[in-house]
């Protein structure tokens, strides 16, 4: 039923309510029914048999998640849960959440080079048949947990994911990561990008963002350089599908700090159009025009942004700036400890913006 499918998908933790509403239940049935019904019927029919093993083949997608495969991940989570349920009932139960196998199969026959590059970037390498069968023998002979994840991991790729802040939390204990400096954290949140764009004119900002978008497109498609990505070639022509579209959205969201829709490449069909959309999100036309119309304000912002916040406090200028923000802001600061704390945590740009927003009060 639809309620059962919804419950299983939520249990998988791979899709939110907004996406769930857009999914076609018939497409979910197509993926979930073979695994769920077959496994459950096998469980019911053998419950009273004296089995030595009850082994289910699931997928690492259910454990680690996989963008664009909510239904497939959910189906495999059901198998993992069924194995655990059997064990709590005193019955044998083992679910193996396999990673990618190197050998061709009905599951992997449709994978192209782009798909394999994407999987490799996520830190997984293909298992040879020899290694896969050896892991199967070891898993069946053991008596550990009801769920094992036989996956060939690429540790350098996992470190790269960790350094960029995109490593799944479940894998965080497998690699050592260097501490992220404050500047890197700031850049990763999109704040650093905004600051760089603020010092550029419109043409420079367009070129910078176009290079950013083409670099991320090249990374997703496995190209060595953004030069391989034509600025006006459509994403579908370049070879994007639903999975690579989601990966590009996630990479750009991390780089810009913006909330971007899953339909990004369909709404903005090439790198040039997408870069312009991102520019307008970060630097709205009205804000850019106002700054160009007032070069004195721009010069003021650039000069003051170089001054550490501590210097404002030491010089006794913090209260003066707050007074410039107007009586409403001053009253909030005087009466609310929470407001005072938020001001203390502001960077210089936000403090100046707050003051200038109230200069006509």
Protein backbone atom coordinates (compact mmCIF):
# COMPACT_ATOMS: atom_id res chain seq x y z
CA UNK A 1 0.00 0.00 0.00
CA UNK A 2 0.99 3.63 -0.32
CA UNK A 3 1.27 3.96 3.48
CA UNK A 4 3.66 1.03 3.65
CA UNK A 5 5.84 2.49 0.90
CA UNK A 6 5.92 5.85 2.68
CA UNK A 7 6.94 4.25 5.96
CA UNK A 8 9.76 2.29 4.34
CA UNK A 9 11.12 5.34 2.54
CA UNK A 10 11.12 7.39 5.74
CA UNK A 11 12.88 4.51 7.48
CA UNK A 12 15.58 4.65 4.82
CA UNK A 13 16.09 8.33 5.58
CA UNK A 14 16.91 9.14 1.96
CA UNK A 15 14.10 11.48 0.93
CA UNK A 16 12.15 14.32 2.51
CA UNK A 17 8.42 14.93 2.49
CA UNK A 18 8.56 17.44 -0.36
CA UNK A 19 10.29 14.97 -2.67
CA UNK A 20 8.07 12.14 -1.51
CA UNK A 21 4.95 14.00 -2.61
CA UNK A 22 6.37 14.24 -6.14
CA UNK A 23 7.20 10.54 -6.45
CA UNK A 24 4.97 8.28 -8.51
CA UNK A 25 3.74 5.39 -6.32
CA UNK A 26 3.68 3.05 -9.31
CA UNK A 27 7.39 3.65 -9.89
CA UNK A 28 8.06 2.90 -6.23
CA UNK A 29 6.09 -0.33 -6.51
CA UNK A 30 8.18 -1.40 -9.50
CA UNK A 31 11.38 -1.22 -7.45
CA UNK A 32 10.13 -2.16 -4.00
CA UNK A 33 7.78 -5.04 -4.81
CA UNK A 34 10.32 -7.60 -6.13
CA UNK A 35 12.60 -7.20 -3.11
CA UNK A 36 10.03 -6.69 -0.37
CA UNK A 37 7.44 -9.23 -1.43
CA UNK A 38 9.96 -11.91 -2.40
CA UNK A 39 11.94 -11.54 0.84
CA UNK A 40 8.86 -11.46 3.04
CA UNK A 41 7.28 -14.49 1.37
CA UNK A 42 10.55 -16.41 1.71
CA UNK A 43 10.68 -15.45 5.38
CA UNK A 44 7.10 -16.64 5.97
CA UNK A 45 7.54 -19.91 4.06
CA UNK A 46 10.75 -20.90 5.84
CA UNK A 47 9.97 -19.61 9.33
CA UNK A 48 9.39 -23.13 10.70
CA UNK A 49 12.29 -24.77 8.85
CA UNK A 50 15.57 -25.57 10.56
CA UNK A 51 17.71 -23.35 8.32
CA UNK A 52 21.44 -22.93 8.81
CA UNK A 53 21.47 -19.61 6.98
CA UNK A 54 19.04 -17.02 5.61
CA UNK A 55 21.07 -14.59 3.50
CA UNK A 56 19.70 -11.51 1.77
CA UNK A 57 21.55 -9.44 -0.81
CA UNK A 58 20.87 -5.74 -0.33
CA UNK A 59 22.86 -2.67 -1.34
CA UNK A 60 25.19 -0.16 0.27
CA UNK A 61 22.84 2.49 -1.14
CA UNK A 62 20.48 1.72 1.74
CA UNK A 63 23.23 2.21 4.33
CA UNK A 64 25.15 5.14 2.87
CA UNK A 65 22.40 6.73 0.78
CA UNK A 66 22.57 7.45 -2.92
CA UNK A 67 21.20 10.61 -4.50
CA UNK A 68 18.34 9.95 -6.90
CA UNK A 69 17.73 6.38 -5.73
CA UNK A 70 15.29 6.79 -2.84
CA UNK A 71 13.09 3.88 -3.89
CA UNK A 72 16.03 1.52 -4.45
CA UNK A 73 17.65 2.49 -1.14
CA UNK A 74 14.36 2.02 0.71
CA UNK A 75 13.84 -1.45 -0.74
CA UNK A 76 17.26 -2.51 0.46
CA UNK A 77 16.72 -1.05 3.93
CA UNK A 78 13.68 -3.32 4.16
CA UNK A 79 15.93 -6.35 3.54
CA UNK A 80 18.38 -5.15 6.19
CA UNK A 81 15.55 -4.70 8.69
CA UNK A 82 14.06 -8.12 7.88
CA UNK A 83 17.37 -9.85 8.64
CA UNK A 84 17.55 -8.07 11.99
CA UNK A 85 13.93 -8.93 12.77
CA UNK A 86 14.61 -12.62 12.15
CA UNK A 87 17.59 -12.55 14.49
CA UNK A 88 15.50 -11.03 17.29
CA UNK A 89 13.09 -13.95 16.79
CA UNK A 90 15.91 -16.47 17.18
CA UNK A 91 16.06 -17.24 13.45
CA UNK A 92 19.12 -17.03 11.19
CA UNK A 93 19.27 -13.77 9.28
CA UNK A 94 22.03 -11.92 7.45
CA UNK A 95 21.80 -9.04 5.00
CA UNK A 96 24.81 -8.16 2.86
CA UNK A 97 24.70 -4.57 1.63
CA UNK A 98 26.97 -4.97 -1.38
CA UNK A 99 28.92 -2.26 -3.11
CA UNK A 100 29.60 -2.24 -6.85
CA UNK A 101 30.93 -5.42 -8.50
CA UNK A 102 33.36 -5.15 -11.41
CA UNK A 103 31.71 -7.89 -13.45
CA UNK A 104 28.93 -6.97 -15.86
CA UNK A 105 25.41 -7.81 -14.72
CA UNK A 106 21.83 -6.76 -15.38
CA UNK A 107 22.24 -4.18 -12.61
CA UNK A 108 25.47 -2.64 -13.92
CA UNK A 109 25.10 -3.11 -17.67
CA UNK A 110 23.69 0.41 -18.07
CA UNK A 111 26.52 2.13 -16.19
CA UNK A 112 28.58 4.43 -18.38
CA UNK A 113 31.94 6.07 -17.73
CA UNK A 114 30.24 9.05 -16.10
CA UNK A 115 28.41 6.75 -13.67
CA UNK A 116 31.58 4.89 -12.77
CA UNK A 117 33.49 8.16 -12.24
CA UNK A 118 30.68 9.36 -9.97
CA UNK A 119 30.81 6.16 -7.88
CA UNK A 120 34.61 6.40 -7.65
CA UNK A 121 34.39 10.01 -6.41
CA UNK A 122 32.09 8.80 -3.64
CA UNK A 123 34.93 6.60 -2.39
CA UNK A 124 33.83 3.18 -3.69
CA UNK A 125 35.76 0.88 -6.01
CA UNK A 126 34.39 -2.13 -7.85
CA UNK A 127 34.81 -5.53 -6.22
CA UNK A 128 36.36 -8.29 -8.30
CA UNK A 129 34.47 -11.59 -8.43
CA UNK A 130 37.28 -13.26 -6.47
CA UNK A 131 37.15 -10.70 -3.66
CA UNK A 132 33.34 -10.65 -3.65
CA UNK A 133 33.02 -14.41 -3.29
CA UNK A 134 35.69 -14.45 -0.58
CA UNK A 135 33.74 -11.82 1.37
CA UNK A 136 30.56 -13.84 0.92
CA UNK A 137 32.21 -16.97 2.34
CA UNK A 138 33.60 -15.02 5.28
CA UNK A 139 30.26 -13.36 6.03
CA UNK A 140 28.27 -16.60 5.95
CA UNK A 141 30.82 -18.42 8.09
CA UNK A 142 30.81 -15.67 10.71
CA UNK A 143 28.27 -15.04 13.45
CA UNK A 144 28.35 -11.28 13.77
CA UNK A 145 25.69 -8.68 13.18
CA UNK A 146 22.68 -9.18 10.95
CA UNK A 147 23.98 -6.53 8.55
CA UNK A 148 27.38 -6.41 6.88
CA UNK A 149 28.54 -3.96 4.19
CA UNK A 150 31.03 -5.61 1.81
CA UNK A 151 32.39 -2.60 -0.08
CA UNK A 152 35.79 -1.83 -1.58
CA UNK A 153 36.64 1.67 -0.30
CA UNK A 154 39.10 4.15 -1.78
CA UNK A 155 40.64 5.98 1.18
CA UNK A 156 42.18 8.88 -0.79
CA UNK A 157 38.75 9.57 -2.32
CA UNK A 158 37.18 9.49 1.14
CA UNK A 159 39.79 11.98 2.39
CA UNK A 160 38.97 14.29 -0.50
CA UNK A 161 35.30 14.11 0.43
CA UNK A 162 36.14 14.81 4.06
CA UNK A 163 38.29 17.82 3.15
CA UNK A 164 35.42 19.27 1.13
CA UNK A 165 32.91 18.60 3.92
CA UNK A 166 30.93 16.08 1.86
CA UNK A 167 31.91 12.81 3.56
CA UNK A 168 28.89 10.88 4.93
CA UNK A 169 28.96 10.95 8.73
CA UNK A 170 28.81 7.15 8.79
CA UNK A 171 32.27 7.00 7.17
CA UNK A 172 33.88 9.80 9.17
CA UNK A 173 35.78 7.42 11.44
CA UNK A 174 37.54 5.67 8.55
CA UNK A 175 39.87 8.48 7.49
CA UNK A 176 41.96 11.09 9.19
CA UNK A 177 41.14 14.59 8.13
CA UNK A 178 43.10 17.79 8.54
CA UNK A 179 41.41 20.44 10.71
CA UNK A 180 39.50 22.90 8.57
CA UNK A 181 40.68 26.46 9.02
CA UNK A 182 38.15 29.19 9.69
CA UNK A 183 38.79 30.65 6.24
CA UNK A 184 38.03 27.31 4.57
CA UNK A 185 34.84 26.85 6.59
CA UNK A 186 33.78 30.36 5.66
CA UNK A 187 34.47 29.74 1.97
CA UNK A 188 32.62 26.44 2.05
CA UNK A 189 29.52 28.12 3.45
CA UNK A 190 29.35 30.53 0.52
CA UNK A 191 30.33 33.57 2.62
CA UNK A 192 33.80 33.68 1.08
CA UNK A 193 32.34 33.60 -2.41
CA UNK A 194 30.04 36.51 -1.62
CA UNK A 195 32.99 38.54 -0.34
CA UNK A 196 35.00 37.86 -3.49
CA UNK A 197 32.10 38.79 -5.74
CA UNK A 198 31.50 42.00 -3.77
CA UNK A 199 34.88 43.27 -4.92
CA UNK A 200 34.20 42.56 -8.59
CA UNK A 201 32.28 44.38 -11.26
CA UNK A 202 29.45 42.60 -13.07
CA UNK A 203 31.61 41.26 -15.92
CA UNK A 204 34.25 39.91 -13.50
CA UNK A 205 31.58 38.27 -11.34
CA UNK A 206 30.04 36.61 -14.39
CA UNK A 207 33.41 35.21 -15.49
CA UNK A 208 34.23 33.98 -11.98
CA UNK A 209 30.90 32.19 -11.55
CA UNK A 210 30.98 30.77 -15.08
CA UNK A 211 34.36 29.21 -14.28
CA UNK A 212 33.04 27.88 -10.97
CA UNK A 213 30.01 26.25 -12.63
CA UNK A 214 32.05 24.76 -15.49
CA UNK A 215 34.63 23.42 -13.00
CA UNK A 216 31.92 21.63 -11.01
CA UNK A 217 30.33 20.32 -14.21
CA UNK A 218 33.70 18.98 -15.33
CA UNK A 219 34.25 17.31 -11.94
CA UNK A 220 30.85 15.62 -12.04
CA UNK A 221 31.33 14.36 -15.60
CA UNK A 222 34.91 13.22 -15.00
CA UNK A 223 36.63 15.77 -17.27
CA UNK A 224 40.15 16.91 -16.43
CA UNK A 225 39.45 20.58 -17.06
CA UNK A 226 36.51 23.02 -17.26
CA UNK A 227 37.72 23.75 -20.80
CA UNK A 228 36.02 20.50 -21.82
CA UNK A 229 32.65 22.02 -20.91
CA UNK A 230 31.23 24.29 -23.58
CA UNK A 231 29.69 27.34 -21.86
CA UNK A 232 26.51 27.12 -23.95
CA UNK A 233 26.25 23.36 -24.46
CA UNK A 234 23.13 22.03 -22.79
CA UNK A 235 23.54 19.83 -19.74
CA UNK A 236 21.55 17.04 -21.35
CA UNK A 237 23.85 17.18 -24.38
CA UNK A 238 26.85 16.94 -22.07
CA UNK A 239 25.44 13.68 -20.69
CA UNK A 240 23.73 14.62 -17.43
CA UNK A 241 21.08 12.32 -15.98
CA UNK A 242 19.06 12.50 -12.77
CA UNK A 243 21.92 11.26 -10.57
CA UNK A 244 24.61 13.54 -11.95
CA UNK A 245 22.11 16.43 -11.86
CA UNK A 246 21.65 15.94 -8.12
CA UNK A 247 25.40 15.68 -7.58
CA UNK A 248 25.98 18.95 -9.46
CA UNK A 249 23.24 20.63 -7.42
CA UNK A 250 24.86 19.44 -4.18
CA UNK A 251 28.35 20.56 -5.21
CA UNK A 252 27.16 24.01 -6.25
CA UNK A 253 25.08 24.37 -3.09
CA UNK A 254 28.18 23.62 -1.00
CA UNK A 255 30.31 26.07 -3.01
CA UNK A 256 27.79 28.93 -2.95
CA UNK A 257 25.86 28.43 0.28
CA UNK A 258 22.59 28.66 -1.70
CA UNK A 259 19.56 26.42 -1.44
CA UNK A 260 19.26 25.12 -4.99
CA UNK A 261 16.42 23.00 -6.44
CA UNK A 262 16.89 19.41 -7.61
CA UNK A 263 15.60 20.52 -11.03
CA UNK A 264 18.47 23.00 -11.40
CA UNK A 265 19.88 21.82 -14.73
CA UNK A 266 16.42 21.60 -16.28
CA UNK A 267 15.47 25.11 -15.19
CA UNK A 268 18.83 26.56 -16.29
CA UNK A 269 19.96 24.40 -19.20
CA UNK A 270 23.62 25.39 -19.67
CA UNK A 271 26.58 26.70 -17.70
CA UNK A 272 26.21 30.31 -18.82
CA UNK A 273 22.55 30.57 -17.85
CA UNK A 274 23.14 28.76 -14.56
CA UNK A 275 26.07 31.01 -13.63
CA UNK A 276 23.92 34.09 -14.24
CA UNK A 277 21.15 32.68 -12.07
CA UNK A 278 23.63 32.09 -9.23
CA UNK A 279 25.07 35.61 -9.63
CA UNK A 280 21.64 37.18 -9.27
CA UNK A 281 20.98 35.08 -6.17
CA UNK A 282 24.21 36.17 -4.51
CA UNK A 283 24.35 39.76 -5.78
CA UNK A 284 20.83 40.94 -6.70
CA UNK A 285 20.68 43.48 -9.50
CA UNK A 286 19.32 46.17 -7.18
CA UNK A 287 22.19 45.77 -4.72
CA UNK A 288 24.82 45.80 -7.48
CA UNK A 289 23.29 48.88 -9.09
CA UNK A 290 23.11 50.73 -5.77
CA UNK A 291 26.76 50.05 -5.10
CA UNK A 292 27.75 51.20 -8.59
CA UNK A 293 25.68 54.37 -8.15
CA UNK A 294 27.43 55.16 -4.87
CA UNK A 295 31.20 54.63 -5.24
CA UNK A 296 31.77 56.39 -1.91
CA UNK A 297 29.74 53.72 -0.11
CA UNK A 298 31.69 51.00 -1.89
CA UNK A 299 35.00 52.59 -0.85
CA UNK A 300 33.72 52.92 2.73
CA UNK A 301 32.73 49.27 2.89
CA UNK A 302 36.09 48.12 1.52
CA UNK A 303 38.02 50.28 3.98
CA UNK A 304 36.05 49.28 7.06
CA UNK A 305 35.94 45.59 6.13
CA UNK A 306 39.71 45.49 6.68
CA UNK A 307 39.30 46.53 10.33
CA UNK A 308 38.97 43.67 12.88
CA UNK A 309 35.86 43.77 15.07
CA UNK A 310 38.07 44.03 18.17
CA UNK A 311 39.35 47.43 16.97
CA UNK A 312 35.77 48.79 16.93
CA UNK A 313 35.36 47.77 20.58
CA UNK A 314 38.79 49.07 21.65
CA UNK A 315 38.13 52.45 20.00
CA UNK A 316 34.69 52.70 21.61
CA UNK A 317 33.00 52.87 18.19
CA UNK A 318 30.69 49.87 18.51
CA UNK A 319 27.99 51.80 20.39
CA UNK A 320 28.27 54.66 17.91
CA UNK A 321 27.69 52.32 14.96
CA UNK A 322 24.71 50.80 16.73
CA UNK A 323 23.25 54.27 17.32
CA UNK A 324 23.61 54.95 13.59
CA UNK A 325 21.43 51.92 13.01
CA UNK A 326 18.51 53.80 14.54
CA UNK A 327 16.58 53.91 17.83
CA UNK A 328 14.78 50.62 17.20
CA UNK A 329 18.03 48.68 16.90
CA UNK A 330 19.51 50.52 19.90
CA UNK A 331 16.49 49.71 22.04
CA UNK A 332 16.60 46.02 21.05
CA UNK A 333 20.28 45.88 21.96
CA UNK A 334 19.70 47.51 25.37
CA UNK A 335 16.81 45.26 26.36
CA UNK A 336 17.73 41.85 24.96
CA UNK A 337 20.76 39.78 25.94
CA UNK A 338 20.14 37.53 22.97
CA UNK A 339 20.32 40.50 20.59
CA UNK A 340 23.58 41.67 22.17
CA UNK A 341 25.09 38.23 21.68
CA UNK A 342 24.11 38.17 18.00
CA UNK A 343 25.78 41.56 17.47
CA UNK A 344 28.95 40.34 19.17
CA UNK A 345 29.05 37.46 16.71
CA UNK A 346 28.55 39.65 13.63
CA UNK A 347 31.33 40.09 11.12
CA UNK A 348 32.25 43.57 9.94
CA UNK A 349 30.20 43.39 6.73
CA UNK A 350 27.00 42.58 8.60
CA UNK A 351 27.65 45.28 11.18
CA UNK A 352 28.15 47.91 8.48
CA UNK A 353 25.10 46.68 6.59
CA UNK A 354 23.00 46.97 9.75
CA UNK A 355 24.19 50.54 10.31
CA UNK A 356 23.68 51.66 6.74
CA UNK A 357 20.21 50.11 6.59
CA UNK A 358 19.21 52.50 9.36
CA UNK A 359 21.02 55.63 8.23
CA UNK A 360 17.80 57.37 7.20
CA UNK A 361 15.99 56.61 10.48
